[in-house]
């Protein structure tokens, strides 16, 4: 089974902000480069933003993640700790723990 990970530019920005609270810029940038070695970055364009703004998602960031994933067309599941905010998603939504358990059970 092949698992392919995706992030959005929003996530990269959030990770940078959070890591910068405890680490120097150079170290954070190095960590982000390592993250990019194991993930692809989804495109976010006007269509994605417009869909998110008009979707009814209560959190804009979640809407952006959802519609970027939908536009990609290859994503089967969104992994999040916040399932309730993705109740409008047409893509499957699981916690990371549930996803790992499903992989173990199915293989």
PDB file of N, CA and C in Angstrom:
ATOM      1  N   UNK A   1       0.828  -1.179   0.000  1.00  0.00           N
ATOM      2  CA  UNK A   1       0.000   0.000   0.000  1.00  0.00           C
ATOM      3  C   UNK A   1       0.875   1.246   0.000  1.00  0.00           C
ATOM      4  N   UNK A   2       0.591   2.143  -0.903  1.00  0.00           N
ATOM      5  CA  UNK A   2       1.338   3.397  -0.973  1.00  0.00           C
ATOM      6  C   UNK A   2       0.514   4.509  -0.343  1.00  0.00           C
ATOM      7  N   UNK A   3       1.139   5.238   0.559  1.00  0.00           N
ATOM      8  CA  UNK A   3       0.505   6.391   1.190  1.00  0.00           C
ATOM      9  C   UNK A   3       1.241   7.623   0.710  1.00  0.00           C
ATOM     10  N   UNK A   4       0.488   8.580   0.214  1.00  0.00           N
ATOM     11  CA  UNK A   4       1.073   9.816  -0.277  1.00  0.00           C
ATOM     12  C   UNK A   4       0.524  10.958   0.566  1.00  0.00           C
ATOM     13  N   UNK A   5       1.403  11.770   1.123  1.00  0.00           N
ATOM     14  CA  UNK A   5       0.990  12.872   1.982  1.00  0.00           C
ATOM     15  C   UNK A   5       0.980  14.199   1.248  1.00  0.00           C
ATOM     16  N   UNK A   6       0.015  15.014   1.611  1.00  0.00           N
ATOM     17  CA  UNK A   6      -0.119  16.349   1.032  1.00  0.00           C
ATOM     18  C   UNK A   6      -0.271  17.365   2.153  1.00  0.00           C
ATOM     19  N   UNK A   7       0.211  18.544   1.905  1.00  0.00           N
ATOM     20  CA  UNK A   7      -0.014  19.691   2.772  1.00  0.00           C
ATOM     21  C   UNK A   7      -0.401  20.865   1.880  1.00  0.00           C
ATOM     22  N   UNK A   8      -0.905  21.907   2.501  1.00  0.00           N
ATOM     23  CA  UNK A   8      -1.182  23.134   1.748  1.00  0.00           C
ATOM     24  C   UNK A   8      -0.201  24.210   2.194  1.00  0.00           C
ATOM     25  N   UNK A   9      -0.085  25.278   1.424  1.00  0.00           N
ATOM     26  CA  UNK A   9       0.762  26.389   1.862  1.00  0.00           C
ATOM     27  C   UNK A   9       0.331  26.940   3.225  1.00  0.00           C
ATOM     28  N   UNK A  10      -0.960  26.881   3.523  1.00  0.00           N
ATOM     29  CA  UNK A  10      -1.459  27.344   4.816  1.00  0.00           C
ATOM     30  C   UNK A  10      -0.835  26.532   5.946  1.00  0.00           C
ATOM     31  N   UNK A  11      -0.795  25.219   5.767  1.00  0.00           N
ATOM     32  CA  UNK A  11      -0.205  24.356   6.797  1.00  0.00           C
ATOM     33  C   UNK A  11       1.277  24.660   6.971  1.00  0.00           C
ATOM     34  N   UNK A  12       1.984  24.841   5.876  1.00  0.00           N
ATOM     35  CA  UNK A  12       3.407  25.161   5.973  1.00  0.00           C
ATOM     36  C   UNK A  12       3.620  26.469   6.735  1.00  0.00           C
ATOM     37  N   UNK A  13       2.785  27.456   6.476  1.00  0.00           N
ATOM     38  CA  UNK A  13       2.871  28.727   7.177  1.00  0.00           C
ATOM     39  C   UNK A  13       2.567  28.549   8.666  1.00  0.00           C
ATOM     40  N   UNK A  14       1.550  27.757   8.979  1.00  0.00           N
ATOM     41  CA  UNK A  14       1.203  27.505  10.381  1.00  0.00           C
ATOM     42  C   UNK A  14       2.321  26.769  11.115  1.00  0.00           C
ATOM     43  N   UNK A  15       2.885  25.771  10.454  1.00  0.00           N
ATOM     44  CA  UNK A  15       3.988  25.019  11.066  1.00  0.00           C
ATOM     45  C   UNK A  15       5.183  25.944  11.305  1.00  0.00           C
ATOM     46  N   UNK A  16       5.481  26.778  10.330  1.00  0.00           N
ATOM     47  CA  UNK A  16       6.578  27.738  10.504  1.00  0.00           C
ATOM     48  C   UNK A  16       6.327  28.606  11.737  1.00  0.00           C
ATOM     49  N   UNK A  17       5.127  29.163  11.818  1.00  0.00           N
ATOM     50  CA  UNK A  17       4.779  30.039  12.935  1.00  0.00           C
ATOM     51  C   UNK A  17       4.933  29.310  14.276  1.00  0.00           C
ATOM     52  N   UNK A  18       4.405  28.100  14.366  1.00  0.00           N
ATOM     53  CA  UNK A  18       4.467  27.355  15.623  1.00  0.00           C
ATOM     54  C   UNK A  18       5.897  26.977  16.007  1.00  0.00           C
ATOM     55  N   UNK A  19       6.659  26.486  15.041  1.00  0.00           N
ATOM     56  CA  UNK A  19       8.040  26.089  15.336  1.00  0.00           C
ATOM     57  C   UNK A  19       8.913  27.292  15.671  1.00  0.00           C
ATOM     58  N   UNK A  20       8.589  28.430  15.108  1.00  0.00           N
ATOM     59  CA  UNK A  20       9.383  29.644  15.330  1.00  0.00           C
ATOM     60  C   UNK A  20       9.277  30.130  16.774  1.00  0.00           C
ATOM     61  N   UNK A  21       8.267  29.651  17.490  1.00  0.00           N
ATOM     62  CA  UNK A  21       8.122  30.030  18.892  1.00  0.00           C
ATOM     63  C   UNK A  21       9.258  29.477  19.746  1.00  0.00           C
ATOM     64  N   UNK A  22       9.856  28.365  19.289  1.00  0.00           N
ATOM     65  CA  UNK A  22      10.891  27.711  20.097  1.00  0.00           C
ATOM     66  C   UNK A  22      12.191  27.444  19.348  1.00  0.00           C
ATOM     67  N   UNK A  23      12.253  27.796  18.078  1.00  0.00           N
ATOM     68  CA  UNK A  23      13.471  27.510  17.309  1.00  0.00           C
ATOM     69  C   UNK A  23      13.824  28.687  16.408  1.00  0.00           C
ATOM     70  N   UNK A  24      15.065  28.722  16.033  1.00  0.00           N
ATOM     71  CA  UNK A  24      15.556  29.795  15.156  1.00  0.00           C
ATOM     72  C   UNK A  24      15.055  29.594  13.725  1.00  0.00           C
ATOM     73  N   UNK A  25      14.972  30.668  13.004  1.00  0.00           N
ATOM     74  CA  UNK A  25      14.484  30.663  11.618  1.00  0.00           C
ATOM     75  C   UNK A  25      15.198  29.611  10.773  1.00  0.00           C
ATOM     76  N   UNK A  26      16.511  29.566  10.840  1.00  0.00           N
ATOM     77  CA  UNK A  26      17.287  28.640  10.015  1.00  0.00           C
ATOM     78  C   UNK A  26      16.897  27.194  10.303  1.00  0.00           C
ATOM     79  N   UNK A  27      16.710  26.854  11.565  1.00  0.00           N
ATOM     80  CA  UNK A  27      16.334  25.488  11.952  1.00  0.00           C
ATOM     81  C   UNK A  27      14.920  25.166  11.471  1.00  0.00           C
ATOM     82  N   UNK A  28      14.012  26.112  11.598  1.00  0.00           N
ATOM     83  CA  UNK A  28      12.637  25.891  11.154  1.00  0.00           C
ATOM     84  C   UNK A  28      12.593  25.684   9.644  1.00  0.00           C
ATOM     85  N   UNK A  29      13.319  26.480   8.914  1.00  0.00           N
ATOM     86  CA  UNK A  29      13.362  26.332   7.454  1.00  0.00           C
ATOM     87  C   UNK A  29      13.906  24.958   7.087  1.00  0.00           C
ATOM     88  N   UNK A  30      14.926  24.507   7.776  1.00  0.00           N
ATOM     89  CA  UNK A  30      15.483  23.174   7.521  1.00  0.00           C
ATOM     90  C   UNK A  30      14.436  22.094   7.777  1.00  0.00           C
ATOM     91  N   UNK A  31      13.675  22.241   8.849  1.00  0.00           N
ATOM     92  CA  UNK A  31      12.604  21.277   9.142  1.00  0.00           C
ATOM     93  C   UNK A  31      11.529  21.289   8.062  1.00  0.00           C
ATOM     94  N   UNK A  32      11.168  22.449   7.578  1.00  0.00           N
ATOM     95  CA  UNK A  32      10.162  22.539   6.511  1.00  0.00           C
ATOM     96  C   UNK A  32      10.676  21.898   5.221  1.00  0.00           C
ATOM     97  N   UNK A  33      11.936  22.062   4.940  1.00  0.00           N
ATOM     98  CA  UNK A  33      12.523  21.412   3.765  1.00  0.00           C
ATOM     99  C   UNK A  33      12.454  19.891   3.903  1.00  0.00           C
ATOM    100  N   UNK A  34      12.681  19.386   5.098  1.00  0.00           N
ATOM    101  CA  UNK A  34      12.563  17.946   5.336  1.00  0.00           C
ATOM    102  C   UNK A  34      11.120  17.486   5.145  1.00  0.00           C
ATOM    103  N   UNK A  35      10.168  18.270   5.617  1.00  0.00           N
ATOM    104  CA  UNK A  35       8.757  17.939   5.427  1.00  0.00           C
ATOM    105  C   UNK A  35       8.419  17.858   3.941  1.00  0.00           C
ATOM    106  N   UNK A  36       8.969  18.773   3.155  1.00  0.00           N
ATOM    107  CA  UNK A  36       8.705  18.778   1.717  1.00  0.00           C
ATOM    108  C   UNK A  36       9.313  17.576   0.997  1.00  0.00           C
ATOM    109  N   UNK A  37      10.261  16.913   1.631  1.00  0.00           N
ATOM    110  CA  UNK A  37      10.844  15.719   1.022  1.00  0.00           C
ATOM    111  C   UNK A  37       9.884  14.527   1.087  1.00  0.00           C
ATOM    112  N   UNK A  38       8.906  14.571   1.992  1.00  0.00           N
ATOM    113  CA  UNK A  38       7.994  13.433   2.153  1.00  0.00           C
ATOM    114  C   UNK A  38       6.535  13.786   1.848  1.00  0.00           C
ATOM    115  N   UNK A  39       6.280  15.015   1.446  1.00  0.00           N
ATOM    116  CA  UNK A  39       4.913  15.422   1.105  1.00  0.00           C
ATOM    117  C   UNK A  39       4.921  16.233  -0.183  1.00  0.00           C
ATOM    118  N   UNK A  40       3.747  16.330  -0.782  1.00  0.00           N
ATOM    119  CA  UNK A  40       3.539  17.245  -1.901  1.00  0.00           C
ATOM    120  C   UNK A  40       2.715  18.422  -1.400  1.00  0.00           C
ATOM    121  N   UNK A  41       2.814  19.546  -2.091  1.00  0.00           N
ATOM    122  CA  UNK A  41       2.068  20.743  -1.706  1.00  0.00           C
ATOM    123  C   UNK A  41       0.902  20.924  -2.669  1.00  0.00           C
ATOM    124  N   UNK A  42      -0.291  21.009  -2.099  1.00  0.00           N
ATOM    125  CA  UNK A  42      -1.483  21.232  -2.911  1.00  0.00           C
ATOM    126  C   UNK A  42      -1.539  22.672  -3.405  1.00  0.00           C
ATOM    127  N   UNK A  43      -2.135  22.837  -4.567  1.00  0.00           N
ATOM    128  CA  UNK A  43      -2.287  24.175  -5.116  1.00  0.00           C
ATOM    129  C   UNK A  43      -3.507  24.844  -4.507  1.00  0.00           C
ATOM    130  N   UNK A  44      -3.361  26.117  -4.230  1.00  0.00           N
ATOM    131  CA  UNK A  44      -4.485  26.920  -3.744  1.00  0.00           C
ATOM    132  C   UNK A  44      -4.598  28.118  -4.669  1.00  0.00           C
ATOM    133  N   UNK A  45      -5.721  28.198  -5.347  1.00  0.00           N
ATOM    134  CA  UNK A  45      -5.941  29.290  -6.279  1.00  0.00           C
ATOM    135  C   UNK A  45      -7.264  29.978  -5.976  1.00  0.00           C
ATOM    136  N   UNK A  46      -7.652  30.885  -6.836  1.00  0.00           N
ATOM    137  CA  UNK A  46      -8.884  31.648  -6.626  1.00  0.00           C
ATOM    138  C   UNK A  46     -10.101  30.737  -6.520  1.00  0.00           C
ATOM    139  N   UNK A  47     -10.141  29.680  -7.319  1.00  0.00           N
ATOM    140  CA  UNK A  47     -11.257  28.737  -7.273  1.00  0.00           C
ATOM    141  C   UNK A  47     -11.356  28.065  -5.904  1.00  0.00           C
ATOM    142  N   UNK A  48     -10.232  27.618  -5.376  1.00  0.00           N
ATOM    143  CA  UNK A  48     -10.203  26.978  -4.054  1.00  0.00           C
ATOM    144  C   UNK A  48     -10.674  27.966  -2.988  1.00  0.00           C
ATOM    145  N   UNK A  49     -10.160  29.182  -3.035  1.00  0.00           N
ATOM    146  CA  UNK A  49     -10.534  30.193  -2.046  1.00  0.00           C
ATOM    147  C   UNK A  49     -12.018  30.531  -2.161  1.00  0.00           C
ATOM    148  N   UNK A  50     -12.492  30.723  -3.377  1.00  0.00           N
ATOM    149  CA  UNK A  50     -13.903  31.041  -3.593  1.00  0.00           C
ATOM    150  C   UNK A  50     -14.811  29.923  -3.093  1.00  0.00           C
ATOM    151  N   UNK A  51     -14.453  28.680  -3.406  1.00  0.00           N
ATOM    152  CA  UNK A  51     -15.239  27.543  -2.918  1.00  0.00           C
ATOM    153  C   UNK A  51     -15.271  27.517  -1.397  1.00  0.00           C
ATOM    154  N   UNK A  52     -14.137  27.777  -0.767  1.00  0.00           N
ATOM    155  CA  UNK A  52     -14.079  27.776   0.692  1.00  0.00           C
ATOM    156  C   UNK A  52     -14.944  28.897   1.279  1.00  0.00           C
ATOM    157  N   UNK A  53     -14.876  30.071   0.666  1.00  0.00           N
ATOM    158  CA  UNK A  53     -15.658  31.203   1.158  1.00  0.00           C
ATOM    159  C   UNK A  53     -17.157  30.972   1.027  1.00  0.00           C
ATOM    160  N   UNK A  54     -17.563  30.225   0.026  1.00  0.00           N
ATOM    161  CA  UNK A  54     -18.982  30.005  -0.248  1.00  0.00           C
ATOM    162  C   UNK A  54     -19.505  28.656   0.249  1.00  0.00           C
ATOM    163  N   UNK A  55     -18.723  27.949   1.021  1.00  0.00           N
ATOM    164  CA  UNK A  55     -19.039  26.556   1.351  1.00  0.00           C
ATOM    165  C   UNK A  55     -19.867  26.344   2.607  1.00  0.00           C
ATOM    166  N   UNK A  56     -19.855  27.257   3.501  1.00  0.00           N
ATOM    167  CA  UNK A  56     -20.495  27.023   4.783  1.00  0.00           C
ATOM    168  C   UNK A  56     -19.563  26.416   5.822  1.00  0.00           C
ATOM    169  N   UNK A  57     -18.298  26.155   5.457  1.00  0.00           N
ATOM    170  CA  UNK A  57     -17.332  25.721   6.463  1.00  0.00           C
ATOM    171  C   UNK A  57     -17.216  26.840   7.500  1.00  0.00           C
ATOM    172  N   UNK A  58     -17.268  26.495   8.766  1.00  0.00           N
ATOM    173  CA  UNK A  58     -17.202  27.505   9.821  1.00  0.00           C
ATOM    174  C   UNK A  58     -15.800  28.053  10.009  1.00  0.00           C
ATOM    175  N   UNK A  59     -14.803  27.296   9.593  1.00  0.00           N
ATOM    176  CA  UNK A  59     -13.412  27.724   9.706  1.00  0.00           C
ATOM    177  C   UNK A  59     -12.843  27.835   8.291  1.00  0.00           C
ATOM    178  N   UNK A  60     -12.423  29.034   7.912  1.00  0.00           N
ATOM    179  CA  UNK A  60     -11.922  29.255   6.549  1.00  0.00           C
ATOM    180  C   UNK A  60     -10.743  28.348   6.237  1.00  0.00           C
ATOM    181  N   UNK A  61      -9.836  28.193   7.179  1.00  0.00           N
ATOM    182  CA  UNK A  61      -8.658  27.353   6.933  1.00  0.00           C
ATOM    183  C   UNK A  61      -9.065  25.916   6.602  1.00  0.00           C
ATOM    184  N   UNK A  62     -10.049  25.388   7.318  1.00  0.00           N
ATOM    185  CA  UNK A  62     -10.527  24.038   7.036  1.00  0.00           C
ATOM    186  C   UNK A  62     -11.153  23.966   5.650  1.00  0.00           C
ATOM    187  N   UNK A  63     -11.899  24.981   5.277  1.00  0.00           N
ATOM    188  CA  UNK A  63     -12.482  25.029   3.939  1.00  0.00           C
ATOM    189  C   UNK A  63     -11.412  25.058   2.865  1.00  0.00           C
ATOM    190  N   UNK A  64     -10.372  25.838   3.096  1.00  0.00           N
ATOM    191  CA  UNK A  64      -9.264  25.897   2.137  1.00  0.00           C
ATOM    192  C   UNK A  64      -8.609  24.525   1.984  1.00  0.00           C
ATOM    193  N   UNK A  65      -8.367  23.847   3.125  1.00  0.00           N
ATOM    194  CA  UNK A  65      -7.760  22.515   3.075  1.00  0.00           C
ATOM    195  C   UNK A  65      -8.651  21.568   2.274  1.00  0.00           C
ATOM    196  N   UNK A  66      -9.931  21.595   2.580  1.00  0.00           N
ATOM    197  CA  UNK A  66     -10.886  20.693   1.933  1.00  0.00           C
ATOM    198  C   UNK A  66     -10.939  20.896   0.423  1.00  0.00           C
ATOM    199  N   UNK A  67     -11.096  22.128  -0.010  1.00  0.00           N
ATOM    200  CA  UNK A  67     -11.263  22.370  -1.442  1.00  0.00           C
ATOM    201  C   UNK A  67      -9.958  22.232  -2.219  1.00  0.00           C
ATOM    202  N   UNK A  68      -8.829  22.459  -1.572  1.00  0.00           N
ATOM    203  CA  UNK A  68      -7.549  22.171  -2.221  1.00  0.00           C
ATOM    204  C   UNK A  68      -7.412  20.664  -2.431  1.00  0.00           C
ATOM    205  N   UNK A  69      -7.829  19.880  -1.430  1.00  0.00           N
ATOM    206  CA  UNK A  69      -7.785  18.416  -1.553  1.00  0.00           C
ATOM    207  C   UNK A  69      -8.739  17.942  -2.638  1.00  0.00           C
ATOM    208  N   UNK A  70      -9.940  18.498  -2.677  1.00  0.00           N
ATOM    209  CA  UNK A  70     -10.908  18.100  -3.701  1.00  0.00           C
ATOM    210  C   UNK A  70     -10.397  18.425  -5.104  1.00  0.00           C
ATOM    211  N   UNK A  71      -9.820  19.600  -5.265  1.00  0.00           N
ATOM    212  CA  UNK A  71      -9.324  20.009  -6.583  1.00  0.00           C
ATOM    213  C   UNK A  71      -8.208  19.078  -7.060  1.00  0.00           C
ATOM    214  N   UNK A  72      -7.406  18.593  -6.139  1.00  0.00           N
ATOM    215  CA  UNK A  72      -6.322  17.682  -6.492  1.00  0.00           C
ATOM    216  C   UNK A  72      -6.857  16.420  -7.147  1.00  0.00           C
ATOM    217  N   UNK A  73      -7.961  15.894  -6.651  1.00  0.00           N
ATOM    218  CA  UNK A  73      -8.603  14.738  -7.255  1.00  0.00           C
ATOM    219  C   UNK A  73      -8.008  13.388  -6.919  1.00  0.00           C
ATOM    220  N   UNK A  74      -6.901  13.342  -6.188  1.00  0.00           N
ATOM    221  CA  UNK A  74      -6.263  12.069  -5.835  1.00  0.00           C
ATOM    222  C   UNK A  74      -6.388  11.742  -4.358  1.00  0.00           C
ATOM    223  N   UNK A  75      -6.991  12.616  -3.590  1.00  0.00           N
ATOM    224  CA  UNK A  75      -6.994  12.461  -2.141  1.00  0.00           C
ATOM    225  C   UNK A  75      -8.263  11.752  -1.690  1.00  0.00           C
ATOM    226  N   UNK A  76      -8.068  10.660  -0.946  1.00  0.00           N
ATOM    227  CA  UNK A  76      -9.186   9.843  -0.462  1.00  0.00           C
ATOM    228  C   UNK A  76      -9.645  10.236   0.931  1.00  0.00           C
ATOM    229  N   UNK A  77      -8.721  10.775   1.723  1.00  0.00           N
ATOM    230  CA  UNK A  77      -9.061  11.068   3.112  1.00  0.00           C
ATOM    231  C   UNK A  77      -8.254  12.263   3.613  1.00  0.00           C
ATOM    232  N   UNK A  78      -8.910  13.075   4.406  1.00  0.00           N
ATOM    233  CA  UNK A  78      -8.261  14.190   5.079  1.00  0.00           C
ATOM    234  C   UNK A  78      -8.006  13.743   6.516  1.00  0.00           C
ATOM    235  N   UNK A  79      -6.784  13.918   6.979  1.00  0.00           N
ATOM    236  CA  UNK A  79      -6.443  13.576   8.355  1.00  0.00           C
ATOM    237  C   UNK A  79      -6.455  14.846   9.190  1.00  0.00           C
ATOM    238  N   UNK A  80      -7.215  14.812  10.273  1.00  0.00           N
ATOM    239  CA  UNK A  80      -7.338  15.973  11.148  1.00  0.00           C
ATOM    240  C   UNK A  80      -7.710  15.520  12.545  1.00  0.00           C
ATOM    241  N   UNK A  81      -7.341  16.304  13.528  1.00  0.00           N
ATOM    242  CA  UNK A  81      -7.783  16.046  14.898  1.00  0.00           C
ATOM    243  C   UNK A  81      -9.166  16.650  15.127  1.00  0.00           C
ATOM    244  N   UNK A  82      -9.637  17.447  14.186  1.00  0.00           N
ATOM    245  CA  UNK A  82     -10.868  18.206  14.357  1.00  0.00           C
ATOM    246  C   UNK A  82     -11.941  17.741  13.377  1.00  0.00           C
ATOM    247  N   UNK A  83     -12.484  16.561  13.605  1.00  0.00           N
ATOM    248  CA  UNK A  83     -13.447  15.957  12.680  1.00  0.00           C
ATOM    249  C   UNK A  83     -14.693  16.810  12.471  1.00  0.00           C
ATOM    250  N   UNK A  84     -15.200  17.412  13.530  1.00  0.00           N
ATOM    251  CA  UNK A  84     -16.476  18.126  13.429  1.00  0.00           C
ATOM    252  C   UNK A  84     -16.418  19.302  12.453  1.00  0.00           C
ATOM    253  N   UNK A  85     -15.260  19.912  12.306  1.00  0.00           N
ATOM    254  CA  UNK A  85     -15.154  21.048  11.382  1.00  0.00           C
ATOM    255  C   UNK A  85     -15.156  20.624   9.915  1.00  0.00           C
ATOM    256  N   UNK A  86     -15.045  19.320   9.668  1.00  0.00           N
ATOM    257  CA  UNK A  86     -15.058  18.823   8.295  1.00  0.00           C
ATOM    258  C   UNK A  86     -16.338  18.066   7.969  1.00  0.00           C
ATOM    259  N   UNK A  87     -17.411  18.334   8.717  1.00  0.00           N
ATOM    260  CA  UNK A  87     -18.660  17.607   8.470  1.00  0.00           C
ATOM    261  C   UNK A  87     -19.280  17.946   7.117  1.00  0.00           C
ATOM    262  N   UNK A  88     -18.858  19.016   6.468  1.00  0.00           N
ATOM    263  CA  UNK A  88     -19.357  19.364   5.141  1.00  0.00           C
ATOM    264  C   UNK A  88     -18.484  18.795   4.020  1.00  0.00           C
ATOM    265  N   UNK A  89     -17.416  18.108   4.383  1.00  0.00           N
ATOM    266  CA  UNK A  89     -16.490  17.583   3.386  1.00  0.00           C
ATOM    267  C   UNK A  89     -17.094  16.414   2.612  1.00  0.00           C
ATOM    268  N   UNK A  90     -16.812  16.384   1.330  1.00  0.00           N
ATOM    269  CA  UNK A  90     -17.219  15.258   0.483  1.00  0.00           C
ATOM    270  C   UNK A  90     -16.105  14.217   0.380  1.00  0.00           C
ATOM    271  N   UNK A  91     -15.012  14.479   1.061  1.00  0.00           N
ATOM    272  CA  UNK A  91     -13.877  13.559   1.133  1.00  0.00           C
ATOM    273  C   UNK A  91     -13.936  12.904   2.513  1.00  0.00           C
ATOM    274  N   UNK A  92     -13.486  11.668   2.608  1.00  0.00           N
ATOM    275  CA  UNK A  92     -13.434  11.011   3.905  1.00  0.00           C
ATOM    276  C   UNK A  92     -12.566  11.786   4.872  1.00  0.00           C
ATOM    277  N   UNK A  93     -12.927  11.751   6.139  1.00  0.00           N
ATOM    278  CA  UNK A  93     -12.189  12.479   7.168  1.00  0.00           C
ATOM    279  C   UNK A  93     -11.946  11.532   8.343  1.00  0.00           C
ATOM    280  N   UNK A  94     -10.694  11.424   8.757  1.00  0.00           N
ATOM    281  CA  UNK A  94     -10.316  10.568   9.879  1.00  0.00           C
ATOM    282  C   UNK A  94      -9.305  11.284  10.761  1.00  0.00           C
ATOM    283  N   UNK A  95      -9.242  10.865  12.016  1.00  0.00           N
ATOM    284  CA  UNK A  95      -8.134  11.316  12.848  1.00  0.00           C
ATOM    285  C   UNK A  95      -6.890  10.541  12.401  1.00  0.00           C
ATOM    286  N   UNK A  96      -5.716  11.066  12.649  1.00  0.00           N
ATOM    287  CA  UNK A  96      -4.507  10.308  12.310  1.00  0.00           C
ATOM    288  C   UNK A  96      -4.477   8.934  12.979  1.00  0.00           C
ATOM    289  N   UNK A  97      -4.927   8.866  14.224  1.00  0.00           N
ATOM    290  CA  UNK A  97      -4.937   7.590  14.953  1.00  0.00           C
ATOM    291  C   UNK A  97      -5.871   6.585  14.283  1.00  0.00           C
ATOM    292  N   UNK A  98      -7.066   7.035  13.901  1.00  0.00           N
ATOM    293  CA  UNK A  98      -8.021   6.145  13.228  1.00  0.00           C
ATOM    294  C   UNK A  98      -7.471   5.667  11.892  1.00  0.00           C
ATOM    295  N   UNK A  99      -6.795   6.542  11.192  1.00  0.00           N
ATOM    296  CA  UNK A  99      -6.222   6.172   9.900  1.00  0.00           C
ATOM    297  C   UNK A  99      -5.166   5.087  10.074  1.00  0.00           C
ATOM    298  N   UNK A 100      -4.287   5.273  11.037  1.00  0.00           N
ATOM    299  CA  UNK A 100      -3.232   4.277  11.283  1.00  0.00           C
ATOM    300  C   UNK A 100      -3.848   2.938  11.685  1.00  0.00           C
ATOM    301  N   UNK A 101      -4.861   2.967  12.539  1.00  0.00           N
ATOM    302  CA  UNK A 101      -5.536   1.728  12.936  1.00  0.00           C
ATOM    303  C   UNK A 101      -6.173   1.044  11.725  1.00  0.00           C
ATOM    304  N   UNK A 102      -6.762   1.827  10.821  1.00  0.00           N
ATOM    305  CA  UNK A 102      -7.402   1.219   9.635  1.00  0.00           C
ATOM    306  C   UNK A 102      -6.363   0.581   8.730  1.00  0.00           C
ATOM    307  N   UNK A 103      -5.191   1.150   8.654  1.00  0.00           N
ATOM    308  CA  UNK A 103      -4.121   0.562   7.836  1.00  0.00           C
ATOM    309  C   UNK A 103      -3.677  -0.766   8.463  1.00  0.00           C
ATOM    310  N   UNK A 104      -3.524  -0.788   9.761  1.00  0.00           N
ATOM    311  CA  UNK A 104      -3.092  -2.000  10.449  1.00  0.00           C
ATOM    312  C   UNK A 104      -4.120  -3.109  10.286  1.00  0.00           C
ATOM    313  N   UNK A 105      -5.390  -2.788  10.440  1.00  0.00           N
ATOM    314  CA  UNK A 105      -6.464  -3.777  10.337  1.00  0.00           C
ATOM    315  C   UNK A 105      -6.589  -4.306   8.913  1.00  0.00           C
ATOM    316  N   UNK A 106      -6.436  -3.463   7.935  1.00  0.00           N
ATOM    317  CA  UNK A 106      -6.641  -3.849   6.522  1.00  0.00           C
ATOM    318  C   UNK A 106      -5.398  -4.453   5.879  1.00  0.00           C
ATOM    319  N   UNK A 107      -4.280  -4.526   6.594  1.00  0.00           N
ATOM    320  CA  UNK A 107      -3.081  -5.096   5.970  1.00  0.00           C
ATOM    321  C   UNK A 107      -2.409  -6.053   6.889  1.00  0.00           C
TER     322      UNK A 107
END
